Structure formats: structure tokens, C-alpha cells
Amino acid sequence: MTRDTRRLASTLLTEAEDHRFSASELRQATRMHNARLYPLLEQWLDRGWITDDYDPSPHDAPEQPQPLHYYLVTELGRRELARMS
């Protein structure tokens, strides 16, 4: 297991179960580059450890022209990631 994997697992487990993580929040907390972060997120999505969705807030706000993509840890993910961190 890599240091990046442990760092990402630890970051995802630090917040409440219903906390939604944006990619930028995860990049900042883990200090990971997109080239390493996104493959891990995709792998964990495929395993069912996390889920993703888009922020349902209005998309016409000038400060946020696109819907915010976020990640949420599943119950299965909490169990599996706890073993890693």
C-alpha cells in the first residue's frame, strides 16, 4: 500500500459519514496530484468504496458555473478504508 493510498483513506475517514468531498478538497488535504488522485478515486468507485454525484445547487451562480462533482464514502468503503489507514 502506498503512502498516497493511506493518506487518501485517512482523509476520507476524518469527516462525518455524510460529508461530501470535492476533488479539490481531496487534493488539498492529501497533497496529491490529479495523476495519482483520480486513478485511486476511479478504482474505489469501481469497488463500491465511494460513490460520486453532482451538487444539486443552482448551476447559474456566477461563482460556480459548473455543478460541483463530489465523492462520498459508502459503508463498505468505511470498513475497507479503515483497514488501510
PDB file of N, CA and C in Angstrom:
ATOM      1  N   MET A   1       0.846  -1.176   0.000  1.00  0.00           N
ATOM      2  CA  MET A   1       0.000   0.000   0.000  1.00  0.00           C
ATOM      3  C   MET A   1       0.892   1.240   0.000  1.00  0.00           C
ATOM      4  N   THR A   2       0.544   2.194  -0.821  1.00  0.00           N
ATOM      5  CA  THR A   2       1.360   3.390  -0.929  1.00  0.00           C
ATOM      6  C   THR A   2       0.975   4.435   0.110  1.00  0.00           C
ATOM      7  N   ARG A   3       1.871   5.350   0.286  1.00  0.00           N
ATOM      8  CA  ARG A   3       1.613   6.456   1.213  1.00  0.00           C
ATOM      9  C   ARG A   3       0.412   7.262   0.729  1.00  0.00           C
ATOM     10  N   ASP A   4       0.286   7.462  -0.594  1.00  0.00           N
ATOM     11  CA  ASP A   4      -0.858   8.188  -1.144  1.00  0.00           C
ATOM     12  C   ASP A   4      -2.174   7.486  -0.824  1.00  0.00           C
ATOM     13  N   THR A   5      -2.177   6.171  -0.931  1.00  0.00           N
ATOM     14  CA  THR A   5      -3.380   5.395  -0.630  1.00  0.00           C
ATOM     15  C   THR A   5      -3.781   5.573   0.827  1.00  0.00           C
ATOM     16  N   ARG A   6      -2.827   5.465   1.728  1.00  0.00           N
ATOM     17  CA  ARG A   6      -3.121   5.649   3.157  1.00  0.00           C
ATOM     18  C   ARG A   6      -3.578   7.069   3.447  1.00  0.00           C
ATOM     19  N   ARG A   7      -2.938   8.040   2.811  1.00  0.00           N
ATOM     20  CA  ARG A   7      -3.291   9.447   3.034  1.00  0.00           C
ATOM     21  C   ARG A   7      -4.718   9.724   2.567  1.00  0.00           C
ATOM     22  N   LEU A   8      -5.085   9.199   1.405  1.00  0.00           N
ATOM     23  CA  LEU A   8      -6.439   9.406   0.893  1.00  0.00           C
ATOM     24  C   LEU A   8      -7.460   8.692   1.774  1.00  0.00           C
ATOM     25  N   ALA A   9      -7.176   7.466   2.176  1.00  0.00           N
ATOM     26  CA  ALA A   9      -8.091   6.724   3.052  1.00  0.00           C
ATOM     27  C   ALA A   9      -8.298   7.475   4.361  1.00  0.00           C
ATOM     28  N   SER A  10      -7.230   7.945   4.950  1.00  0.00           N
ATOM     29  CA  SER A  10      -7.320   8.678   6.210  1.00  0.00           C
ATOM     30  C   SER A  10      -8.141   9.951   6.049  1.00  0.00           C
ATOM     31  N   THR A  11      -7.929  10.666   4.957  1.00  0.00           N
ATOM     32  CA  THR A  11      -8.679  11.899   4.704  1.00  0.00           C
ATOM     33  C   THR A  11     -10.168  11.619   4.568  1.00  0.00           C
ATOM     34  N   LEU A  12     -10.514  10.576   3.837  1.00  0.00           N
ATOM     35  CA  LEU A  12     -11.932  10.248   3.641  1.00  0.00           C
ATOM     36  C   LEU A  12     -12.611   9.823   4.935  1.00  0.00           C
ATOM     37  N   LEU A  13     -11.854   9.275   5.873  1.00  0.00           N
ATOM     38  CA  LEU A  13     -12.440   8.804   7.125  1.00  0.00           C
ATOM     39  C   LEU A  13     -12.480   9.871   8.214  1.00  0.00           C
ATOM     40  N   THR A  14     -11.872  11.032   7.992  1.00  0.00           N
ATOM     41  CA  THR A  14     -11.807  12.046   9.040  1.00  0.00           C
ATOM     42  C   THR A  14     -13.116  12.791   9.248  1.00  0.00           C
ATOM     43  N   GLU A  15     -13.952  12.812   8.267  1.00  0.00           N
ATOM     44  CA  GLU A  15     -15.188  13.588   8.345  1.00  0.00           C
ATOM     45  C   GLU A  15     -16.389  12.697   8.668  1.00  0.00           C
ATOM     46  N   ALA A  16     -17.509  13.338   8.926  1.00  0.00           N
ATOM     47  CA  ALA A  16     -18.754  12.629   9.215  1.00  0.00           C
ATOM     48  C   ALA A  16     -19.148  11.751   8.027  1.00  0.00           C
ATOM     49  N   GLU A  17     -19.960  10.754   8.296  1.00  0.00           N
ATOM     50  CA  GLU A  17     -20.352   9.788   7.265  1.00  0.00           C
ATOM     51  C   GLU A  17     -21.014  10.435   6.057  1.00  0.00           C
ATOM     52  N   ASP A  18     -21.714  11.536   6.253  1.00  0.00           N
ATOM     53  CA  ASP A  18     -22.433  12.162   5.142  1.00  0.00           C
ATOM     54  C   ASP A  18     -21.653  13.306   4.495  1.00  0.00           C
ATOM     55  N   HIS A  19     -20.374  13.437   4.847  1.00  0.00           N
ATOM     56  CA  HIS A  19     -19.568  14.516   4.277  1.00  0.00           C
ATOM     57  C   HIS A  19     -19.276  14.242   2.808  1.00  0.00           C
ATOM     58  N   ARG A  20     -19.467  15.271   1.988  1.00  0.00           N
ATOM     59  CA  ARG A  20     -19.191  15.169   0.561  1.00  0.00           C
ATOM     60  C   ARG A  20     -17.846  15.849   0.289  1.00  0.00           C
ATOM     61  N   PHE A  21     -16.959  15.155  -0.373  1.00  0.00           N
ATOM     62  CA  PHE A  21     -15.624  15.657  -0.671  1.00  0.00           C
ATOM     63  C   PHE A  21     -15.533  16.072  -2.129  1.00  0.00           C
ATOM     64  N   SER A  22     -15.080  17.274  -2.384  1.00  0.00           N
ATOM     65  CA  SER A  22     -14.784  17.664  -3.760  1.00  0.00           C
ATOM     66  C   SER A  22     -13.369  17.198  -4.077  1.00  0.00           C
ATOM     67  N   ALA A  23     -13.059  17.083  -5.349  1.00  0.00           N
ATOM     68  CA  ALA A  23     -11.708  16.679  -5.746  1.00  0.00           C
ATOM     69  C   ALA A  23     -10.684  17.694  -5.270  1.00  0.00           C
ATOM     70  N   SER A  24     -11.026  18.964  -5.336  1.00  0.00           N
ATOM     71  CA  SER A  24     -10.066  19.984  -4.888  1.00  0.00           C
ATOM     72  C   SER A  24      -9.818  19.882  -3.388  1.00  0.00           C
ATOM     73  N   GLU A  25     -10.845  19.558  -2.623  1.00  0.00           N
ATOM     74  CA  GLU A  25     -10.678  19.363  -1.182  1.00  0.00           C
ATOM     75  C   GLU A  25      -9.762  18.162  -0.913  1.00  0.00           C
ATOM     76  N   LEU A  26      -9.947  17.100  -1.666  1.00  0.00           N
ATOM     77  CA  LEU A  26      -9.104  15.908  -1.502  1.00  0.00           C
ATOM     78  C   LEU A  26      -7.662  16.185  -1.932  1.00  0.00           C
ATOM     79  N   ARG A  27      -7.491  16.914  -3.034  1.00  0.00           N
ATOM     80  CA  ARG A  27      -6.132  17.271  -3.479  1.00  0.00           C
ATOM     81  C   ARG A  27      -5.419  18.091  -2.419  1.00  0.00           C
ATOM     82  N   GLN A  28      -6.112  19.057  -1.860  1.00  0.00           N
ATOM     83  CA  GLN A  28      -5.503  19.927  -0.854  1.00  0.00           C
ATOM     84  C   GLN A  28      -5.170  19.151   0.419  1.00  0.00           C
ATOM     85  N   ALA A  29      -6.074  18.309   0.867  1.00  0.00           N
ATOM     86  CA  ALA A  29      -5.864  17.563   2.118  1.00  0.00           C
ATOM     87  C   ALA A  29      -4.774  16.507   1.986  1.00  0.00           C
ATOM     88  N   THR A  30      -4.661  15.906   0.812  1.00  0.00           N
ATOM     89  CA  THR A  30      -3.701  14.812   0.633  1.00  0.00           C
ATOM     90  C   THR A  30      -2.405  15.257  -0.037  1.00  0.00           C
ATOM     91  N   ARG A  31      -2.426  16.464  -0.637  1.00  0.00           N
ATOM     92  CA  ARG A  31      -1.280  16.974  -1.390  1.00  0.00           C
ATOM     93  C   ARG A  31      -0.925  16.040  -2.558  1.00  0.00           C
ATOM     94  N   MET A  32      -1.958  15.445  -3.139  1.00  0.00           N
ATOM     95  CA  MET A  32      -1.774  14.538  -4.273  1.00  0.00           C
ATOM     96  C   MET A  32      -2.041  15.267  -5.583  1.00  0.00           C
ATOM     97  N   HIS A  33      -1.329  14.887  -6.608  1.00  0.00           N
ATOM     98  CA  HIS A  33      -1.540  15.407  -7.951  1.00  0.00           C
ATOM     99  C   HIS A  33      -2.703  14.643  -8.590  1.00  0.00           C
ATOM    100  N   ASN A  34      -3.389  15.299  -9.503  1.00  0.00           N
ATOM    101  CA  ASN A  34      -4.518  14.655 -10.194  1.00  0.00           C
ATOM    102  C   ASN A  34      -4.147  13.317 -10.816  1.00  0.00           C
ATOM    103  N   ALA A  35      -2.924  13.213 -11.310  1.00  0.00           N
ATOM    104  CA  ALA A  35      -2.488  11.980 -11.979  1.00  0.00           C
ATOM    105  C   ALA A  35      -2.484  10.791 -11.030  1.00  0.00           C
ATOM    106  N   ARG A  36      -2.388  11.011  -9.760  1.00  0.00           N
ATOM    107  CA  ARG A  36      -2.429   9.929  -8.772  1.00  0.00           C
ATOM    108  C   ARG A  36      -3.800   9.847  -8.090  1.00  0.00           C
ATOM    109  N   LEU A  37      -4.420  11.000  -7.855  1.00  0.00           N
ATOM    110  CA  LEU A  37      -5.703  11.045  -7.142  1.00  0.00           C
ATOM    111  C   LEU A  37      -6.837  10.395  -7.941  1.00  0.00           C
ATOM    112  N   TYR A  38      -7.000  10.808  -9.192  1.00  0.00           N
ATOM    113  CA  TYR A  38      -8.144  10.321  -9.958  1.00  0.00           C
ATOM    114  C   TYR A  38      -8.128   8.813 -10.226  1.00  0.00           C
ATOM    115  N   PRO A  39      -6.989   8.211 -10.507  1.00  0.00           N
ATOM    116  CA  PRO A  39      -6.998   6.747 -10.653  1.00  0.00           C
ATOM    117  C   PRO A  39      -7.426   6.025  -9.369  1.00  0.00           C
ATOM    118  N   LEU A  40      -7.005   6.531  -8.216  1.00  0.00           N
ATOM    119  CA  LEU A  40      -7.442   5.920  -6.950  1.00  0.00           C
ATOM    120  C   LEU A  40      -8.941   6.095  -6.754  1.00  0.00           C
ATOM    121  N   LEU A  41      -9.440   7.285  -7.028  1.00  0.00           N
ATOM    122  CA  LEU A  41     -10.881   7.517  -6.887  1.00  0.00           C
ATOM    123  C   LEU A  41     -11.667   6.604  -7.827  1.00  0.00           C
ATOM    124  N   GLU A  42     -11.215   6.464  -9.059  1.00  0.00           N
ATOM    125  CA  GLU A  42     -11.899   5.580 -10.011  1.00  0.00           C
ATOM    126  C   GLU A  42     -11.873   4.124  -9.535  1.00  0.00           C
ATOM    127  N   GLN A  43     -10.736   3.709  -9.033  1.00  0.00           N
ATOM    128  CA  GLN A  43     -10.607   2.332  -8.521  1.00  0.00           C
ATOM    129  C   GLN A  43     -11.566   2.105  -7.355  1.00  0.00           C
ATOM    130  N   TRP A  44     -11.642   3.063  -6.459  1.00  0.00           N
ATOM    131  CA  TRP A  44     -12.514   2.910  -5.289  1.00  0.00           C
ATOM    132  C   TRP A  44     -13.983   3.049  -5.656  1.00  0.00           C
ATOM    133  N   LEU A  45     -14.287   3.827  -6.695  1.00  0.00           N
ATOM    134  CA  LEU A  45     -15.663   3.861  -7.209  1.00  0.00           C
ATOM    135  C   LEU A  45     -16.054   2.488  -7.738  1.00  0.00           C
ATOM    136  N   ASP A  46     -15.157   1.870  -8.505  1.00  0.00           N
ATOM    137  CA  ASP A  46     -15.420   0.539  -9.078  1.00  0.00           C
ATOM    138  C   ASP A  46     -15.620  -0.509  -7.989  1.00  0.00           C
ATOM    139  N   ARG A  47     -14.921  -0.377  -6.888  1.00  0.00           N
ATOM    140  CA  ARG A  47     -15.037  -1.330  -5.779  1.00  0.00           C
ATOM    141  C   ARG A  47     -16.250  -1.063  -4.892  1.00  0.00           C
ATOM    142  N   GLY A  48     -16.897   0.084  -5.088  1.00  0.00           N
ATOM    143  CA  GLY A  48     -18.054   0.427  -4.266  1.00  0.00           C
ATOM    144  C   GLY A  48     -17.683   1.052  -2.935  1.00  0.00           C
ATOM    145  N   TRP A  49     -16.444   1.490  -2.788  1.00  0.00           N
ATOM    146  CA  TRP A  49     -16.000   2.087  -1.523  1.00  0.00           C
ATOM    147  C   TRP A  49     -16.413   3.543  -1.405  1.00  0.00           C
ATOM    148  N   ILE A  50     -16.558   4.190  -2.559  1.00  0.00           N
ATOM    149  CA  ILE A  50     -17.051   5.553  -2.597  1.00  0.00           C
ATOM    150  C   ILE A  50     -18.094   5.642  -3.699  1.00  0.00           C
ATOM    151  N   THR A  51     -18.885   6.675  -3.640  1.00  0.00           N
ATOM    152  CA  THR A  51     -19.844   6.969  -4.689  1.00  0.00           C
ATOM    153  C   THR A  51     -19.616   8.414  -5.101  1.00  0.00           C
ATOM    154  N   ASP A  52     -20.113   8.797  -6.244  1.00  0.00           N
ATOM    155  CA  ASP A  52     -19.952  10.188  -6.665  1.00  0.00           C
ATOM    156  C   ASP A  52     -21.270  10.722  -7.188  1.00  0.00           C
ATOM    157  N   ASP A  53     -21.358  12.035  -7.183  1.00  0.00           N
ATOM    158  CA  ASP A  53     -22.565  12.700  -7.644  1.00  0.00           C
ATOM    159  C   ASP A  53     -22.210  14.152  -7.921  1.00  0.00           C
ATOM    160  N   TYR A  54     -23.202  14.924  -8.300  1.00  0.00           N
ATOM    161  CA  TYR A  54     -23.013  16.348  -8.549  1.00  0.00           C
ATOM    162  C   TYR A  54     -23.871  17.145  -7.596  1.00  0.00           C
ATOM    163  N   ASP A  55     -23.355  18.292  -7.194  1.00  0.00           N
ATOM    164  CA  ASP A  55     -24.062  19.174  -6.273  1.00  0.00           C
ATOM    165  C   ASP A  55     -25.370  19.629  -6.912  1.00  0.00           C
ATOM    166  N   PRO A  56     -26.470  19.468  -6.193  1.00  0.00           N
ATOM    167  CA  PRO A  56     -27.760  19.857  -6.766  1.00  0.00           C
ATOM    168  C   PRO A  56     -28.036  21.356  -6.705  1.00  0.00           C
ATOM    169  N   SER A  57     -27.064  22.158  -6.264  1.00  0.00           N
ATOM    170  CA  SER A  57     -27.275  23.602  -6.157  1.00  0.00           C
ATOM    171  C   SER A  57     -27.473  24.219  -7.535  1.00  0.00           C
ATOM    172  N   PRO A  58     -28.036  25.404  -7.571  1.00  0.00           N
ATOM    173  CA  PRO A  58     -28.257  26.049  -8.872  1.00  0.00           C
ATOM    174  C   PRO A  58     -26.948  26.225  -9.637  1.00  0.00           C
ATOM    175  N   HIS A  59     -26.975  25.940 -10.916  1.00  0.00           N
ATOM    176  CA  HIS A  59     -25.761  25.971 -11.721  1.00  0.00           C
ATOM    177  C   HIS A  59     -25.546  27.316 -12.407  1.00  0.00           C
ATOM    178  N   ASP A  60     -26.482  28.239 -12.211  1.00  0.00           N
ATOM    179  CA  ASP A  60     -26.339  29.533 -12.880  1.00  0.00           C
ATOM    180  C   ASP A  60     -25.646  30.564 -11.998  1.00  0.00           C
ATOM    181  N   ALA A  61     -25.152  30.141 -10.845  1.00  0.00           N
ATOM    182  CA  ALA A  61     -24.420  31.065  -9.975  1.00  0.00           C
ATOM    183  C   ALA A  61     -23.094  31.419 -10.640  1.00  0.00           C
ATOM    184  N   PRO A  62     -22.779  32.716 -10.744  1.00  0.00           N
ATOM    185  CA  PRO A  62     -21.552  33.112 -11.439  1.00  0.00           C
ATOM    186  C   PRO A  62     -20.277  32.573 -10.793  1.00  0.00           C
ATOM    187  N   GLU A  63     -20.289  32.387  -9.493  1.00  0.00           N
ATOM    188  CA  GLU A  63     -19.087  31.895  -8.811  1.00  0.00           C
ATOM    189  C   GLU A  63     -18.880  30.393  -9.010  1.00  0.00           C
ATOM    190  N   GLN A  64     -19.901  29.705  -9.467  1.00  0.00           N
ATOM    191  CA  GLN A  64     -19.779  28.272  -9.711  1.00  0.00           C
ATOM    192  C   GLN A  64     -20.541  27.926 -10.991  1.00  0.00           C
ATOM    193  N   PRO A  65     -19.900  28.141 -12.147  1.00  0.00           N
ATOM    194  CA  PRO A  65     -20.614  27.952 -13.415  1.00  0.00           C
ATOM    195  C   PRO A  65     -20.940  26.500 -13.749  1.00  0.00           C
ATOM    196  N   GLN A  66     -20.220  25.554 -13.166  1.00  0.00           N
ATOM    197  CA  GLN A  66     -20.492  24.144 -13.431  1.00  0.00           C
ATOM    198  C   GLN A  66     -20.897  23.465 -12.129  1.00  0.00           C
ATOM    199  N   PRO A  67     -21.712  22.410 -12.210  1.00  0.00           N
ATOM    200  CA  PRO A  67     -22.073  21.692 -10.991  1.00  0.00           C
ATOM    201  C   PRO A  67     -20.827  21.083 -10.354  1.00  0.00           C
ATOM    202  N   LEU A  68     -20.783  21.099  -9.048  1.00  0.00           N
ATOM    203  CA  LEU A  68     -19.638  20.572  -8.312  1.00  0.00           C
ATOM    204  C   LEU A  68     -19.730  19.054  -8.213  1.00  0.00           C
ATOM    205  N   HIS A  69     -18.697  18.381  -8.696  1.00  0.00           N
ATOM    206  CA  HIS A  69     -18.593  16.926  -8.607  1.00  0.00           C
ATOM    207  C   HIS A  69     -18.035  16.591  -7.233  1.00  0.00           C
ATOM    208  N   TYR A  70     -18.668  15.667  -6.530  1.00  0.00           N
ATOM    209  CA  TYR A  70     -18.190  15.315  -5.206  1.00  0.00           C
ATOM    210  C   TYR A  70     -18.219  13.808  -4.992  1.00  0.00           C
ATOM    211  N   TYR A  71     -17.514  13.381  -3.935  1.00  0.00           N
ATOM    212  CA  TYR A  71     -17.378  11.964  -3.571  1.00  0.00           C
ATOM    213  C   TYR A  71     -17.867  11.772  -2.153  1.00  0.00           C
ATOM    214  N   LEU A  72     -18.461  10.621  -1.914  1.00  0.00           N
ATOM    215  CA  LEU A  72     -18.997  10.266  -0.608  1.00  0.00           C
ATOM    216  C   LEU A  72     -18.593   8.829  -0.299  1.00  0.00           C
ATOM    217  N   VAL A  73     -18.117   8.588   0.910  1.00  0.00           N
ATOM    218  CA  VAL A  73     -17.678   7.242   1.297  1.00  0.00           C
ATOM    219  C   VAL A  73     -18.901   6.392   1.613  1.00  0.00           C
ATOM    220  N   THR A  74     -18.927   5.159   1.099  1.00  0.00           N
ATOM    221  CA  THR A  74     -20.015   4.230   1.392  1.00  0.00           C
ATOM    222  C   THR A  74     -19.718   3.495   2.708  1.00  0.00           C
ATOM    223  N   GLU A  75     -20.695   2.781   3.199  1.00  0.00           N
ATOM    224  CA  GLU A  75     -20.489   1.986   4.419  1.00  0.00           C
ATOM    225  C   GLU A  75     -19.420   0.918   4.183  1.00  0.00           C
ATOM    226  N   LEU A  76     -19.489   0.249   3.048  1.00  0.00           N
ATOM    227  CA  LEU A  76     -18.459  -0.723   2.681  1.00  0.00           C
ATOM    228  C   LEU A  76     -17.093  -0.037   2.634  1.00  0.00           C
ATOM    229  N   GLY A  77     -17.053   1.153   2.052  1.00  0.00           N
ATOM    230  CA  GLY A  77     -15.809   1.903   1.973  1.00  0.00           C
ATOM    231  C   GLY A  77     -15.250   2.257   3.335  1.00  0.00           C
ATOM    232  N   ARG A  78     -16.113   2.642   4.256  1.00  0.00           N
ATOM    233  CA  ARG A  78     -15.630   2.961   5.612  1.00  0.00           C
ATOM    234  C   ARG A  78     -14.952   1.762   6.236  1.00  0.00           C
ATOM    235  N   ARG A  79     -15.526   0.595   6.062  1.00  0.00           N
ATOM    236  CA  ARG A  79     -14.926  -0.605   6.636  1.00  0.00           C
ATOM    237  C   ARG A  79     -13.576  -0.923   5.965  1.00  0.00           C
ATOM    238  N   GLU A  80     -13.558  -0.890   4.632  1.00  0.00           N
ATOM    239  CA  GLU A  80     -12.342  -1.228   3.896  1.00  0.00           C
ATOM    240  C   GLU A  80     -11.245  -0.190   4.093  1.00  0.00           C
ATOM    241  N   LEU A  81     -11.600   1.079   4.068  1.00  0.00           N
ATOM    242  CA  LEU A  81     -10.606   2.142   4.217  1.00  0.00           C
ATOM    243  C   LEU A  81     -10.055   2.185   5.636  1.00  0.00           C
ATOM    244  N   ALA A  82     -10.872   1.827   6.607  1.00  0.00           N
ATOM    245  CA  ALA A  82     -10.394   1.790   7.999  1.00  0.00           C
ATOM    246  C   ALA A  82      -9.275   0.753   8.146  1.00  0.00           C
ATOM    247  N   ARG A  83      -9.342  -0.307   7.376  1.00  0.00           N
ATOM    248  CA  ARG A  83      -8.266  -1.315   7.413  1.00  0.00           C
ATOM    249  C   ARG A  83      -6.972  -0.778   6.824  1.00  0.00           C
ATOM    250  N   MET A  84      -7.074   0.173   5.921  1.00  0.00           N
ATOM    251  CA  MET A  84      -5.901   0.713   5.241  1.00  0.00           C
ATOM    252  C   MET A  84      -5.196   1.814   6.027  1.00  0.00           C
ATOM    253  N   SER A  85      -5.959   2.592   6.763  1.00  0.00           N
ATOM    254  CA  SER A  85      -5.361   3.776   7.386  1.00  0.00           C
ATOM    255  C   SER A  85      -4.713   3.471   8.718  1.00  0.00           C
TER     256      SER A  85
END
